[in-house]
Amino acid sequence: MAPQVLIPWNRDEAVTITQAAFLAKKSTVTMRGWAAKHHIGRRVGGGAWMISQPALLMLLDDDAETLAAYLGGDRYGDRVRHYFKRCGI
């Protein structure tokens, strides 16, 4: 099964590459690479990358177990919900 990043689509969850780079204190090039390598984002609409803010925090926290649950489609487990709450979602 394909990684379930930003599925279902939730605009409140998504941040732009530029916003994600600012949050992570990394370059936009690094964010594009992370989006593809770690599946924390996807292209939407006309091809612009959008990053899942909760998934980004999971990656930054080195929380591979929770990121795997998120990418598997979990949006309601306690660990995943914790990240959504941190993002105000």
N, C-alpha and C. Protein backbone atom coordinates (compact mmCIF):
# COMPACT_ATOMS: atom_id res chain seq x y z
N MET A 1 0.85 -1.18 0.00
CA MET A 1 0.00 0.00 0.00
C MET A 1 0.90 1.24 0.00
N ALA A 2 0.50 2.23 -0.75
CA ALA A 2 1.25 3.48 -0.83
C ALA A 2 1.14 4.23 0.49
N PRO A 3 2.18 4.99 0.86
CA PRO A 3 2.12 5.79 2.09
C PRO A 3 0.91 6.72 2.07
N GLN A 4 0.20 6.77 3.17
CA GLN A 4 -1.03 7.54 3.29
C GLN A 4 -0.76 8.95 3.84
N VAL A 5 0.14 9.66 3.22
CA VAL A 5 0.48 11.02 3.67
C VAL A 5 -0.55 12.00 3.10
N LEU A 6 -1.10 12.81 3.98
CA LEU A 6 -2.11 13.80 3.62
C LEU A 6 -3.33 13.16 2.94
N ILE A 7 -3.64 11.94 3.36
CA ILE A 7 -4.82 11.22 2.87
C ILE A 7 -5.58 10.75 4.10
N PRO A 8 -6.80 11.18 4.29
CA PRO A 8 -7.54 12.12 3.45
C PRO A 8 -6.93 13.52 3.52
N TRP A 9 -7.16 14.28 2.47
CA TRP A 9 -6.66 15.64 2.40
C TRP A 9 -7.23 16.47 3.53
N ASN A 10 -6.35 17.14 4.23
CA ASN A 10 -6.75 18.04 5.31
C ASN A 10 -5.86 19.28 5.20
N ARG A 11 -6.42 20.35 4.69
CA ARG A 11 -5.64 21.57 4.47
C ARG A 11 -5.00 22.07 5.77
N ASP A 12 -5.66 21.85 6.90
CA ASP A 12 -5.10 22.30 8.17
C ASP A 12 -3.82 21.55 8.53
N GLU A 13 -3.68 20.35 8.03
CA GLU A 13 -2.50 19.52 8.31
C GLU A 13 -1.31 19.90 7.43
N ALA A 14 -1.57 20.44 6.27
CA ALA A 14 -0.55 20.66 5.25
C ALA A 14 0.13 22.01 5.39
N VAL A 15 1.44 22.00 5.16
CA VAL A 15 2.22 23.23 5.09
C VAL A 15 3.03 23.19 3.80
N THR A 16 3.40 24.35 3.32
CA THR A 16 4.20 24.43 2.10
C THR A 16 5.64 24.00 2.39
N ILE A 17 6.38 23.76 1.34
CA ILE A 17 7.80 23.44 1.47
C ILE A 17 8.51 24.55 2.24
N THR A 18 8.21 25.79 1.91
CA THR A 18 8.86 26.93 2.57
C THR A 18 8.53 26.96 4.06
N GLN A 19 7.26 26.75 4.40
CA GLN A 19 6.87 26.73 5.81
C GLN A 19 7.54 25.57 6.55
N ALA A 20 7.58 24.40 5.92
CA ALA A 20 8.22 23.23 6.54
C ALA A 20 9.71 23.48 6.75
N ALA A 21 10.36 24.10 5.77
CA ALA A 21 11.79 24.40 5.90
C ALA A 21 12.03 25.34 7.07
N PHE A 22 11.18 26.32 7.24
CA PHE A 22 11.29 27.25 8.36
C PHE A 22 11.12 26.51 9.70
N LEU A 23 10.09 25.67 9.78
CA LEU A 23 9.83 24.93 11.01
C LEU A 23 10.99 24.00 11.38
N ALA A 24 11.57 23.36 10.36
CA ALA A 24 12.65 22.40 10.59
C ALA A 24 14.03 23.05 10.62
N LYS A 25 14.09 24.34 10.28
CA LYS A 25 15.37 25.05 10.18
C LYS A 25 16.30 24.36 9.16
N LYS A 26 15.71 24.01 8.03
CA LYS A 26 16.41 23.36 6.93
C LYS A 26 16.10 24.11 5.65
N SER A 27 16.77 23.76 4.57
CA SER A 27 16.52 24.41 3.28
C SER A 27 15.31 23.79 2.60
N THR A 28 14.79 24.51 1.62
CA THR A 28 13.67 23.98 0.85
C THR A 28 14.11 22.75 0.04
N VAL A 29 15.36 22.72 -0.38
CA VAL A 29 15.88 21.55 -1.11
C VAL A 29 15.85 20.33 -0.19
N THR A 30 16.26 20.51 1.06
CA THR A 30 16.21 19.41 2.02
C THR A 30 14.78 18.95 2.23
N MET A 31 13.83 19.88 2.33
CA MET A 31 12.43 19.50 2.54
C MET A 31 11.90 18.69 1.37
N ARG A 32 12.23 19.07 0.15
CA ARG A 32 11.77 18.29 -1.01
C ARG A 32 12.34 16.88 -0.95
N GLY A 33 13.60 16.79 -0.58
CA GLY A 33 14.23 15.48 -0.45
C GLY A 33 13.59 14.63 0.63
N TRP A 34 13.33 15.24 1.78
CA TRP A 34 12.68 14.52 2.88
C TRP A 34 11.27 14.09 2.49
N ALA A 35 10.56 14.96 1.77
CA ALA A 35 9.19 14.63 1.35
C ALA A 35 9.19 13.35 0.52
N ALA A 36 10.14 13.24 -0.37
CA ALA A 36 10.22 12.07 -1.23
C ALA A 36 10.80 10.86 -0.49
N LYS A 37 11.88 11.05 0.24
CA LYS A 37 12.56 9.94 0.90
C LYS A 37 11.79 9.37 2.09
N HIS A 38 11.22 10.26 2.90
CA HIS A 38 10.57 9.84 4.13
C HIS A 38 9.04 9.85 4.03
N HIS A 39 8.52 10.23 2.86
CA HIS A 39 7.07 10.21 2.60
C HIS A 39 6.29 11.13 3.54
N ILE A 40 6.86 12.28 3.88
CA ILE A 40 6.16 13.21 4.78
C ILE A 40 5.36 14.25 4.01
N GLY A 41 5.40 14.18 2.70
CA GLY A 41 4.65 15.11 1.86
C GLY A 41 4.30 14.48 0.54
N ARG A 42 3.52 15.22 -0.22
CA ARG A 42 3.15 14.76 -1.56
C ARG A 42 2.81 15.96 -2.42
N ARG A 43 2.82 15.71 -3.71
CA ARG A 43 2.43 16.76 -4.65
C ARG A 43 0.91 16.83 -4.71
N VAL A 44 0.38 18.05 -4.70
CA VAL A 44 -1.06 18.26 -4.79
C VAL A 44 -1.35 19.28 -5.88
N GLY A 45 -2.59 19.29 -6.31
CA GLY A 45 -3.01 20.27 -7.31
C GLY A 45 -2.13 20.27 -8.53
N GLY A 46 -1.52 21.40 -8.79
CA GLY A 46 -0.67 21.58 -9.97
C GLY A 46 0.73 21.05 -9.81
N GLY A 47 0.96 20.22 -8.81
CA GLY A 47 2.28 19.62 -8.65
C GLY A 47 3.11 20.22 -7.52
N ALA A 48 2.55 21.16 -6.77
CA ALA A 48 3.28 21.76 -5.66
C ALA A 48 3.39 20.77 -4.50
N TRP A 49 4.55 20.69 -3.89
CA TRP A 49 4.73 19.83 -2.72
C TRP A 49 4.04 20.45 -1.52
N MET A 50 3.34 19.61 -0.78
CA MET A 50 2.78 19.99 0.52
C MET A 50 3.30 18.97 1.52
N ILE A 51 3.60 19.43 2.71
CA ILE A 51 4.18 18.60 3.75
C ILE A 51 3.16 18.44 4.87
N SER A 52 3.05 17.23 5.41
CA SER A 52 2.22 17.01 6.59
C SER A 52 3.00 17.53 7.79
N GLN A 53 2.46 18.53 8.45
CA GLN A 53 3.15 19.08 9.62
C GLN A 53 3.30 18.03 10.73
N PRO A 54 2.26 17.24 11.05
CA PRO A 54 2.47 16.20 12.06
C PRO A 54 3.56 15.20 11.64
N ALA A 55 3.57 14.79 10.38
CA ALA A 55 4.59 13.84 9.91
C ALA A 55 5.98 14.46 10.01
N LEU A 56 6.10 15.74 9.71
CA LEU A 56 7.38 16.42 9.84
C LEU A 56 7.86 16.39 11.29
N LEU A 57 6.96 16.66 12.22
CA LEU A 57 7.34 16.62 13.64
C LEU A 57 7.75 15.21 14.06
N MET A 58 7.06 14.20 13.55
CA MET A 58 7.43 12.82 13.86
C MET A 58 8.85 12.54 13.38
N LEU A 59 9.17 13.00 12.17
CA LEU A 59 10.50 12.81 11.62
C LEU A 59 11.54 13.57 12.45
N LEU A 60 11.26 14.80 12.77
CA LEU A 60 12.19 15.61 13.56
C LEU A 60 12.42 15.02 14.95
N ASP A 61 11.37 14.39 15.50
CA ASP A 61 11.47 13.75 16.82
C ASP A 61 12.10 12.36 16.72
N ASP A 62 12.41 11.92 15.51
CA ASP A 62 12.96 10.59 15.28
C ASP A 62 12.02 9.51 15.82
N ASP A 63 10.73 9.74 15.63
CA ASP A 63 9.69 8.82 16.11
C ASP A 63 9.22 7.95 14.94
N ALA A 64 10.08 7.01 14.55
CA ALA A 64 9.82 6.17 13.38
C ALA A 64 8.57 5.32 13.55
N GLU A 65 8.32 4.85 14.76
CA GLU A 65 7.15 3.99 14.99
C GLU A 65 5.85 4.74 14.72
N THR A 66 5.76 5.97 15.22
CA THR A 66 4.54 6.76 15.02
C THR A 66 4.43 7.20 13.57
N LEU A 67 5.56 7.55 12.95
CA LEU A 67 5.53 7.93 11.53
C LEU A 67 5.05 6.75 10.69
N ALA A 68 5.50 5.56 11.00
CA ALA A 68 5.05 4.38 10.25
C ALA A 68 3.55 4.17 10.42
N ALA A 69 3.05 4.38 11.62
CA ALA A 69 1.60 4.25 11.86
C ALA A 69 0.85 5.29 11.05
N TYR A 70 1.32 6.54 11.06
CA TYR A 70 0.69 7.61 10.28
C TYR A 70 0.68 7.25 8.79
N LEU A 71 1.84 6.83 8.28
CA LEU A 71 1.94 6.49 6.85
C LEU A 71 1.09 5.28 6.50
N GLY A 72 0.78 4.46 7.49
CA GLY A 72 -0.10 3.32 7.28
C GLY A 72 -1.58 3.68 7.33
N GLY A 73 -1.88 4.95 7.62
CA GLY A 73 -3.26 5.41 7.61
C GLY A 73 -3.84 5.72 8.98
N ASP A 74 -3.08 5.52 10.06
CA ASP A 74 -3.57 5.80 11.41
C ASP A 74 -3.68 7.31 11.61
N ARG A 75 -4.88 7.76 11.94
CA ARG A 75 -5.09 9.18 12.27
C ARG A 75 -5.72 9.35 13.65
N TYR A 76 -6.01 8.22 14.31
CA TYR A 76 -6.75 8.29 15.57
C TYR A 76 -6.05 7.63 16.75
N GLY A 77 -4.95 6.94 16.54
CA GLY A 77 -4.21 6.34 17.64
C GLY A 77 -3.65 7.43 18.54
N ASP A 78 -3.47 7.11 19.80
CA ASP A 78 -3.01 8.10 20.78
C ASP A 78 -1.71 8.78 20.37
N ARG A 79 -0.75 7.99 19.91
CA ARG A 79 0.55 8.57 19.56
C ARG A 79 0.44 9.51 18.37
N VAL A 80 -0.34 9.12 17.37
CA VAL A 80 -0.52 9.97 16.18
C VAL A 80 -1.29 11.22 16.55
N ARG A 81 -2.37 11.06 17.31
CA ARG A 81 -3.18 12.23 17.71
C ARG A 81 -2.35 13.24 18.50
N HIS A 82 -1.39 12.76 19.27
CA HIS A 82 -0.51 13.66 20.02
C HIS A 82 0.16 14.68 19.09
N TYR A 83 0.63 14.22 17.94
CA TYR A 83 1.29 15.12 16.98
C TYR A 83 0.29 16.07 16.34
N PHE A 84 -0.90 15.60 16.05
CA PHE A 84 -1.91 16.48 15.50
C PHE A 84 -2.26 17.58 16.51
N LYS A 85 -2.35 17.20 17.77
CA LYS A 85 -2.63 18.20 18.82
C LYS A 85 -1.50 19.21 18.94
N ARG A 86 -0.26 18.75 18.83
CA ARG A 86 0.90 19.67 18.88
C ARG A 86 0.81 20.72 17.77
N CYS A 87 0.21 20.32 16.66
CA CYS A 87 0.07 21.23 15.51
C CYS A 87 -1.21 22.05 15.59
N GLY A 88 -2.00 21.84 16.61
CA GLY A 88 -3.25 22.58 16.75
C GLY A 88 -4.36 22.08 15.85
N ILE A 89 -4.29 20.83 15.44
CA ILE A 89 -5.28 20.25 14.53
C ILE A 89 -6.18 19.31 15.30
